[in-house]
Amino acid sequence: MDKRNSRLRRAAKCRANIKRLQAYRLTVHRTPRHIYAQVLSCDNTRVIASASTLDVEIKNKLTFTGNIFAAEIVGQAVAQRAVIKGITKVSFDRSGFSYHGRIKALADAAREGGLQL
């Protein structure tokens, strides 16, 4: 089993647990250059709020988009957008990525922005 399939297997286990809970889901995806975050509805049919390093207002604040500082900005932005829509409690879906570095920075920033993970 290669690295990608191992990550997707870990992600599937986490998503199955979140689906059982019927909770809003804050999902994160990272690449070496960018980081993306979305708040999805309980049935995974609607995107409630989203933010990424590709957003114009976020990109203008950053000099580099693949670092911890960029992840913190994205976490704050997605939390702010979700709170405006009335969502404060979400389950954190790390998409099989290890909970350290940029993933942890995004989660901590989302908590500071008003989301309960």
C-alpha atoms as a PDB file:
ATOM      1  CA  MET A   1       0.000   0.000   0.000  1.00  0.00           C
ATOM      2  CA  ASP A   2       1.437   3.353  -0.962  1.00  0.00           C
ATOM      3  CA  LYS A   3       1.432   6.605   0.963  1.00  0.00           C
ATOM      4  CA  ARG A   4      -1.654   8.069  -0.742  1.00  0.00           C
ATOM      5  CA  ASN A   5      -3.824   4.982  -0.256  1.00  0.00           C
ATOM      6  CA  SER A   6      -2.824   4.793   3.405  1.00  0.00           C
ATOM      7  CA  ARG A   7      -3.905   8.417   3.904  1.00  0.00           C
ATOM      8  CA  LEU A   8      -7.215   7.813   2.118  1.00  0.00           C
ATOM      9  CA  ARG A   9      -7.885   4.749   4.278  1.00  0.00           C
ATOM     10  CA  ARG A  10      -7.306   6.797   7.435  1.00  0.00           C
ATOM     11  CA  ALA A  11      -9.575   9.517   6.048  1.00  0.00           C
ATOM     12  CA  ALA A  12     -12.379   7.031   5.337  1.00  0.00           C
ATOM     13  CA  LYS A  13     -12.366   5.813   8.942  1.00  0.00           C
ATOM     14  CA  CYS A  14     -12.588   9.353  10.280  1.00  0.00           C
ATOM     15  CA  ARG A  15     -15.370  10.315   7.862  1.00  0.00           C
ATOM     16  CA  ALA A  16     -17.409   7.235   8.759  1.00  0.00           C
ATOM     17  CA  ASN A  17     -17.293   8.260  12.415  1.00  0.00           C
ATOM     18  CA  ILE A  18     -18.314  11.845  11.612  1.00  0.00           C
ATOM     19  CA  LYS A  19     -21.168  10.581   9.417  1.00  0.00           C
ATOM     20  CA  ARG A  20     -22.420   8.479  12.335  1.00  0.00           C
ATOM     21  CA  LEU A  21     -22.415  11.588  14.552  1.00  0.00           C
ATOM     22  CA  GLN A  22     -24.457  13.629  12.003  1.00  0.00           C
ATOM     23  CA  ALA A  23     -22.295  16.695  12.614  1.00  0.00           C
ATOM     24  CA  TYR A  24     -21.087  19.532  10.457  1.00  0.00           C
ATOM     25  CA  ARG A  25     -17.624  18.720   9.150  1.00  0.00           C
ATOM     26  CA  LEU A  26     -14.587  20.979   8.852  1.00  0.00           C
ATOM     27  CA  THR A  27     -12.477  19.235   6.246  1.00  0.00           C
ATOM     28  CA  VAL A  28      -8.915  20.151   5.371  1.00  0.00           C
ATOM     29  CA  HIS A  29      -6.782  19.366   2.345  1.00  0.00           C
ATOM     30  CA  ARG A  30      -3.182  20.360   1.938  1.00  0.00           C
ATOM     31  CA  THR A  31      -0.699  20.351  -0.874  1.00  0.00           C
ATOM     32  CA  PRO A  32       2.896  21.528  -0.743  1.00  0.00           C
ATOM     33  CA  ARG A  33       1.864  24.952  -2.070  1.00  0.00           C
ATOM     34  CA  HIS A  34      -1.653  25.530  -0.707  1.00  0.00           C
ATOM     35  CA  ILE A  35      -4.123  24.598   2.022  1.00  0.00           C
ATOM     36  CA  TYR A  36      -7.903  24.370   1.668  1.00  0.00           C
ATOM     37  CA  ALA A  37     -10.663  24.208   4.303  1.00  0.00           C
ATOM     38  CA  GLN A  38     -14.413  23.696   3.960  1.00  0.00           C
ATOM     39  CA  VAL A  39     -17.331  23.374   6.351  1.00  0.00           C
ATOM     40  CA  LEU A  40     -19.730  20.802   4.925  1.00  0.00           C
ATOM     41  CA  SER A  41     -23.331  20.097   5.907  1.00  0.00           C
ATOM     42  CA  CYS A  42     -24.305  17.031   7.922  1.00  0.00           C
ATOM     43  CA  ASP A  43     -25.313  15.088   4.807  1.00  0.00           C
ATOM     44  CA  ASN A  44     -22.303  16.296   2.752  1.00  0.00           C
ATOM     45  CA  THR A  45     -24.477  17.917   0.088  1.00  0.00           C
ATOM     46  CA  ARG A  46     -23.695  21.602   0.726  1.00  0.00           C
ATOM     47  CA  VAL A  47     -20.600  23.652   1.379  1.00  0.00           C
ATOM     48  CA  ILE A  48     -21.459  26.058   4.190  1.00  0.00           C
ATOM     49  CA  ALA A  49     -18.175  27.980   4.253  1.00  0.00           C
ATOM     50  CA  SER A  50     -14.801  27.651   2.591  1.00  0.00           C
ATOM     51  CA  ALA A  51     -11.406  29.302   2.558  1.00  0.00           C
ATOM     52  CA  SER A  52      -8.085  28.578   0.916  1.00  0.00           C
ATOM     53  CA  THR A  53      -4.787  30.196   0.131  1.00  0.00           C
ATOM     54  CA  LEU A  54      -6.121  30.750  -3.388  1.00  0.00           C
ATOM     55  CA  ASP A  55      -8.760  33.246  -2.179  1.00  0.00           C
ATOM     56  CA  VAL A  56      -7.805  36.730  -3.325  1.00  0.00           C
ATOM     57  CA  GLU A  57      -8.224  38.466   0.044  1.00  0.00           C
ATOM     58  CA  ILE A  58      -6.187  35.759   1.805  1.00  0.00           C
ATOM     59  CA  LYS A  59      -3.533  35.535  -0.894  1.00  0.00           C
ATOM     60  CA  ASN A  60      -2.874  39.285  -0.677  1.00  0.00           C
ATOM     61  CA  LYS A  61      -1.970  38.937   3.027  1.00  0.00           C
ATOM     62  CA  LEU A  62       0.633  36.228   2.386  1.00  0.00           C
ATOM     63  CA  THR A  63       4.078  36.100   0.867  1.00  0.00           C
ATOM     64  CA  PHE A  64       4.200  32.274   0.948  1.00  0.00           C
ATOM     65  CA  THR A  65       1.114  30.054   0.812  1.00  0.00           C
ATOM     66  CA  GLY A  66       2.487  26.701   1.975  1.00  0.00           C
ATOM     67  CA  ASN A  67       3.488  27.483   5.553  1.00  0.00           C
ATOM     68  CA  ILE A  68       2.013  27.534   9.067  1.00  0.00           C
ATOM     69  CA  PHE A  69       1.198  31.239   8.940  1.00  0.00           C
ATOM     70  CA  ALA A  70      -0.910  30.703   5.816  1.00  0.00           C
ATOM     71  CA  ALA A  71      -2.743  27.831   7.522  1.00  0.00           C
ATOM     72  CA  GLU A  72      -3.567  30.073  10.484  1.00  0.00           C
ATOM     73  CA  ILE A  73      -5.016  32.746   8.188  1.00  0.00           C
ATOM     74  CA  VAL A  74      -7.153  30.135   6.379  1.00  0.00           C
ATOM     75  CA  GLY A  75      -8.349  28.713   9.722  1.00  0.00           C
ATOM     76  CA  GLN A  76      -9.418  32.134  10.947  1.00  0.00           C
ATOM     77  CA  ALA A  77     -11.177  32.902   7.655  1.00  0.00           C
ATOM     78  CA  VAL A  78     -13.155  29.659   7.498  1.00  0.00           C
ATOM     79  CA  ALA A  79     -14.168  30.037  11.161  1.00  0.00           C
ATOM     80  CA  GLN A  80     -15.323  33.596  10.602  1.00  0.00           C
ATOM     81  CA  ARG A  81     -17.354  32.605   7.535  1.00  0.00           C
ATOM     82  CA  ALA A  82     -18.963  29.657   9.340  1.00  0.00           C
ATOM     83  CA  VAL A  83     -19.892  31.724  12.400  1.00  0.00           C
ATOM     84  CA  ILE A  84     -21.550  34.293  10.121  1.00  0.00           C
ATOM     85  CA  LYS A  85     -23.698  31.452   8.708  1.00  0.00           C
ATOM     86  CA  GLY A  86     -24.601  30.341  12.243  1.00  0.00           C
ATOM     87  CA  ILE A  87     -22.377  27.265  12.540  1.00  0.00           C
ATOM     88  CA  THR A  88     -20.285  27.087  15.707  1.00  0.00           C
ATOM     89  CA  LYS A  89     -19.895  23.356  16.409  1.00  0.00           C
ATOM     90  CA  VAL A  90     -18.129  21.166  13.848  1.00  0.00           C
ATOM     91  CA  SER A  91     -16.201  17.913  13.698  1.00  0.00           C
ATOM     92  CA  PHE A  92     -12.640  18.203  12.427  1.00  0.00           C
ATOM     93  CA  ASP A  93     -11.816  16.011   9.433  1.00  0.00           C
ATOM     94  CA  ARG A  94      -8.073  16.075   8.871  1.00  0.00           C
ATOM     95  CA  SER A  95      -8.422  13.945   5.699  1.00  0.00           C
ATOM     96  CA  GLY A  96      -5.922  11.379   6.906  1.00  0.00           C
ATOM     97  CA  PHE A  97      -3.118  13.912   7.361  1.00  0.00           C
ATOM     98  CA  SER A  98      -1.104  13.847  10.591  1.00  0.00           C
ATOM     99  CA  TYR A  99      -2.276  16.309  13.223  1.00  0.00           C
ATOM    100  CA  HIS A 100       0.800  18.516  13.351  1.00  0.00           C
ATOM    101  CA  GLY A 101       2.260  21.455  11.491  1.00  0.00           C
ATOM    102  CA  ARG A 102      -0.144  23.176   9.128  1.00  0.00           C
ATOM    103  CA  ILE A 103      -3.117  20.950  10.004  1.00  0.00           C
ATOM    104  CA  LYS A 104      -2.742  21.698  13.715  1.00  0.00           C
ATOM    105  CA  ALA A 105      -2.223  25.418  13.047  1.00  0.00           C
ATOM    106  CA  LEU A 106      -5.433  25.578  10.994  1.00  0.00           C
ATOM    107  CA  ALA A 107      -7.422  23.752  13.687  1.00  0.00           C
ATOM    108  CA  ASP A 108      -6.089  25.994  16.461  1.00  0.00           C
ATOM    109  CA  ALA A 109      -6.868  29.125  14.447  1.00  0.00           C
ATOM    110  CA  ALA A 110     -10.401  27.864  13.753  1.00  0.00           C
ATOM    111  CA  ARG A 111     -10.914  27.339  17.490  1.00  0.00           C
ATOM    112  CA  GLU A 112      -9.720  30.873  18.185  1.00  0.00           C
ATOM    113  CA  GLY A 113     -12.081  32.110  15.469  1.00  0.00           C
ATOM    114  CA  GLY A 114     -15.120  30.764  17.305  1.00  0.00           C
ATOM    115  CA  LEU A 115     -15.560  27.168  16.126  1.00  0.00           C
ATOM    116  CA  GLN A 116     -15.850  24.329  18.600  1.00  0.00           C
ATOM    117  CA  LEU A 117     -13.950  21.334  17.233  1.00  0.00           C
END
